[in-house]
N, C-alpha and C. Protein backbone atom coordinates (compact mmCIF):
# COMPACT_ATOMS: atom_id res chain seq x y z
N MET A 1 104.38 -13.65 115.44
CA MET A 1 104.81 -12.45 116.02
C MET A 1 105.40 -12.53 117.44
N SER A 2 106.17 -12.23 118.09
CA SER A 2 106.53 -12.36 119.64
C SER A 2 105.93 -11.32 120.21
N GLU A 3 105.61 -11.47 121.50
CA GLU A 3 105.00 -10.54 122.47
C GLU A 3 105.68 -9.42 122.43
N TYR A 4 106.84 -9.48 122.39
CA TYR A 4 107.84 -8.14 122.48
C TYR A 4 107.43 -7.25 121.05
N GLU A 5 107.23 -8.13 120.02
CA GLU A 5 107.00 -7.34 118.75
C GLU A 5 105.62 -6.72 118.69
N THR A 6 104.96 -7.20 119.30
CA THR A 6 103.34 -6.86 119.70
C THR A 6 103.17 -5.81 120.24
N VAL A 7 103.99 -5.86 121.57
CA VAL A 7 103.93 -4.59 122.25
C VAL A 7 104.57 -3.29 121.87
N SER A 8 105.84 -3.53 121.15
CA SER A 8 106.33 -2.70 120.29
C SER A 8 105.45 -2.04 119.31
N LYS A 9 105.07 -2.67 118.61
CA LYS A 9 103.87 -2.21 117.52
C LYS A 9 102.83 -1.49 118.18
N ALA A 10 102.22 -1.81 119.32
CA ALA A 10 101.17 -0.98 120.02
C ALA A 10 101.64 0.05 120.57
N LEU A 11 103.00 0.11 121.18
CA LEU A 11 103.63 1.38 121.50
C LEU A 11 103.94 2.51 120.42
N GLU A 12 104.31 1.92 119.18
CA GLU A 12 104.50 2.98 118.16
C GLU A 12 103.12 3.37 117.78
N LYS A 13 101.94 2.72 117.49
CA LYS A 13 100.95 3.23 117.40
C LYS A 13 100.43 4.17 118.37
N ALA A 14 100.41 3.79 119.39
CA ALA A 14 100.28 4.87 120.67
C ALA A 14 100.85 6.09 120.63
N ALA A 15 102.31 6.01 120.39
CA ALA A 15 102.98 7.10 120.32
C ALA A 15 102.52 8.06 119.31
N LYS A 16 102.32 7.49 118.16
CA LYS A 16 101.80 8.28 116.86
C LYS A 16 100.36 9.01 117.21
N TYR A 17 99.70 8.36 117.81
CA TYR A 17 98.28 8.70 118.08
C TYR A 17 98.51 10.14 119.03
N ILE A 18 99.26 9.74 120.13
CA ILE A 18 99.36 10.89 120.98
C ILE A 18 100.11 12.21 120.51
N CYS A 19 101.09 11.70 119.55
CA CYS A 19 101.77 12.85 119.18
C CYS A 19 101.09 13.74 118.25
N THR A 20 100.28 12.95 117.59
CA THR A 20 99.16 13.49 116.56
C THR A 20 98.16 14.63 117.18
N LEU A 21 97.64 14.00 118.55
CA LEU A 21 97.00 14.93 119.68
C LEU A 21 97.40 16.21 120.14
N LYS A 22 98.83 15.91 120.24
CA LYS A 22 99.65 17.03 120.75
C LYS A 22 100.29 17.66 119.56
N CYS A 23 99.95 17.64 118.19
CA CYS A 23 99.91 18.60 117.40
C CYS A 23 101.42 18.59 116.90
N GLY A 24 101.98 17.32 116.88
CA GLY A 24 103.32 16.87 116.54
C GLY A 24 104.38 17.40 117.34
N LEU A 25 104.15 17.76 118.50
CA LEU A 25 105.02 18.23 119.45
C LEU A 25 105.67 17.05 120.12
N CYS A 26 106.93 17.10 120.59
CA CYS A 26 107.77 15.88 121.39
C CYS A 26 107.37 16.23 122.78
N PRO A 27 107.82 15.06 123.58
CA PRO A 27 107.62 15.34 124.72
C PRO A 27 108.16 16.38 125.70
N LEU A 28 109.40 16.60 125.30
CA LEU A 28 110.05 18.04 125.74
C LEU A 28 109.26 19.18 125.81
N VAL A 29 108.69 19.50 124.50
CA VAL A 29 107.69 20.70 124.46
C VAL A 29 106.26 20.42 125.14
N ALA A 30 105.70 19.35 124.88
CA ALA A 30 104.32 19.00 125.24
C ALA A 30 104.19 18.81 126.58
N GLU A 31 105.13 17.98 127.27
CA GLU A 31 105.11 17.63 128.88
C GLU A 31 106.30 18.16 129.77
N ASN A 32 106.94 19.18 129.00
CA ASN A 32 108.08 19.93 129.63
C ASN A 32 109.00 18.99 130.34
N SER A 33 109.26 17.80 129.71
CA SER A 33 109.95 16.55 130.17
C SER A 33 111.27 16.66 129.29
N PRO A 34 112.44 16.39 130.07
CA PRO A 34 113.81 16.31 129.34
C PRO A 34 113.70 14.96 128.32
N CYS A 35 114.45 15.10 127.34
CA CYS A 35 114.33 14.06 126.19
C CYS A 35 115.22 12.75 126.75
N PRO A 36 114.49 11.43 126.83
CA PRO A 36 115.24 10.49 127.21
C PRO A 36 116.17 9.70 126.26
N GLN A 37 116.34 10.42 125.32
CA GLN A 37 117.06 9.96 124.11
C GLN A 37 118.01 11.15 123.40
N GLU A 38 118.86 10.84 122.77
CA GLU A 38 119.54 11.86 122.02
C GLU A 38 118.85 11.77 120.88
N CYS A 39 118.47 13.17 120.32
CA CYS A 39 117.79 13.56 119.19
C CYS A 39 118.48 14.40 118.43
N GLY A 40 117.94 14.16 117.09
CA GLY A 40 118.42 15.03 115.91
C GLY A 40 117.46 15.61 115.04
N LEU A 41 117.82 16.03 113.88
CA LEU A 41 116.92 16.75 112.94
C LEU A 41 116.03 15.51 112.13
N GLU A 42 116.63 14.31 112.30
CA GLU A 42 116.12 13.28 111.69
C GLU A 42 115.20 12.54 112.43
N THR A 43 115.23 12.74 113.77
CA THR A 43 114.19 12.00 114.74
C THR A 43 112.82 12.57 114.59
N LEU A 44 111.96 11.71 114.56
CA LEU A 44 110.48 11.92 114.42
C LEU A 44 109.94 12.28 115.76
N PRO A 45 108.86 13.25 115.92
CA PRO A 45 108.67 13.33 117.33
C PRO A 45 107.90 11.69 118.04
N TRP A 46 107.14 11.29 117.17
CA TRP A 46 106.56 10.00 117.78
C TRP A 46 107.68 9.13 118.22
N GLN A 47 108.94 9.22 117.67
CA GLN A 47 110.22 8.36 118.27
C GLN A 47 110.31 8.93 119.57
N CYS A 48 110.21 10.15 119.76
CA CYS A 48 110.76 10.74 121.02
C CYS A 48 109.36 10.14 122.16
N TRP A 49 108.14 10.17 121.66
CA TRP A 49 107.26 9.55 122.56
C TRP A 49 107.34 8.22 122.95
N VAL A 50 107.90 7.20 122.24
CA VAL A 50 108.24 5.87 122.47
C VAL A 50 109.21 5.89 123.34
N ALA A 51 110.28 6.77 123.38
CA ALA A 51 111.47 6.73 124.21
C ALA A 51 110.90 7.33 125.84
N TYR A 52 110.20 8.23 125.44
CA TYR A 52 109.39 8.90 126.73
C TYR A 52 108.60 7.87 127.38
N PHE A 53 107.78 7.07 126.82
CA PHE A 53 106.96 6.05 127.54
C PHE A 53 107.78 4.92 128.11
N ARG A 54 108.86 4.45 127.44
CA ARG A 54 109.55 3.39 127.86
C ARG A 54 110.58 3.81 129.11
N ALA A 55 111.12 5.17 129.02
CA ALA A 55 111.49 5.73 130.35
C ALA A 55 110.50 5.90 131.56
N GLN A 56 109.28 6.18 131.34
CA GLN A 56 108.26 6.28 132.05
C GLN A 56 107.74 5.05 132.71
N SER A 57 107.94 3.93 132.14
CA SER A 57 107.62 2.62 132.60
C SER A 57 108.67 2.24 133.43
N GLY A 58 110.21 2.60 133.18
CA GLY A 58 111.19 2.21 133.61
C GLY A 58 111.28 2.79 135.19
N LYS A 59 110.81 3.88 135.27
CA LYS A 59 110.64 4.83 136.47
C LYS A 59 109.64 4.12 137.38
N GLU A 60 108.56 3.85 136.84
CA GLU A 60 107.36 3.02 137.47
C GLU A 60 107.69 1.89 138.21
N SER A 61 108.44 1.03 137.41
CA SER A 61 108.85 -0.33 137.84
C SER A 61 110.06 -0.21 138.63
N GLY A 62 110.66 0.92 138.98
CA GLY A 62 111.82 0.99 139.96
C GLY A 62 113.21 0.87 139.15
N ARG A 63 113.11 0.75 137.76
CA ARG A 63 114.40 0.47 137.21
C ARG A 63 114.73 2.10 136.75
N HIS A 64 115.90 2.43 136.47
CA HIS A 64 116.25 3.67 136.16
C HIS A 64 117.28 3.54 134.96
């Protein structure tokens, strides 16, 4: 497994854990943060958390 796959799996697990702690709410509701990706009815809240973390990471590293 590559480092990217390992990090992606860890990010997914963290997102699912935080989503559970936030009672299944997406970042839009839990953090009052705009969605960093386009969501639909089939989008799971933990997927929004992954996108949220990736967007935050890009902001902190100076990439937008």
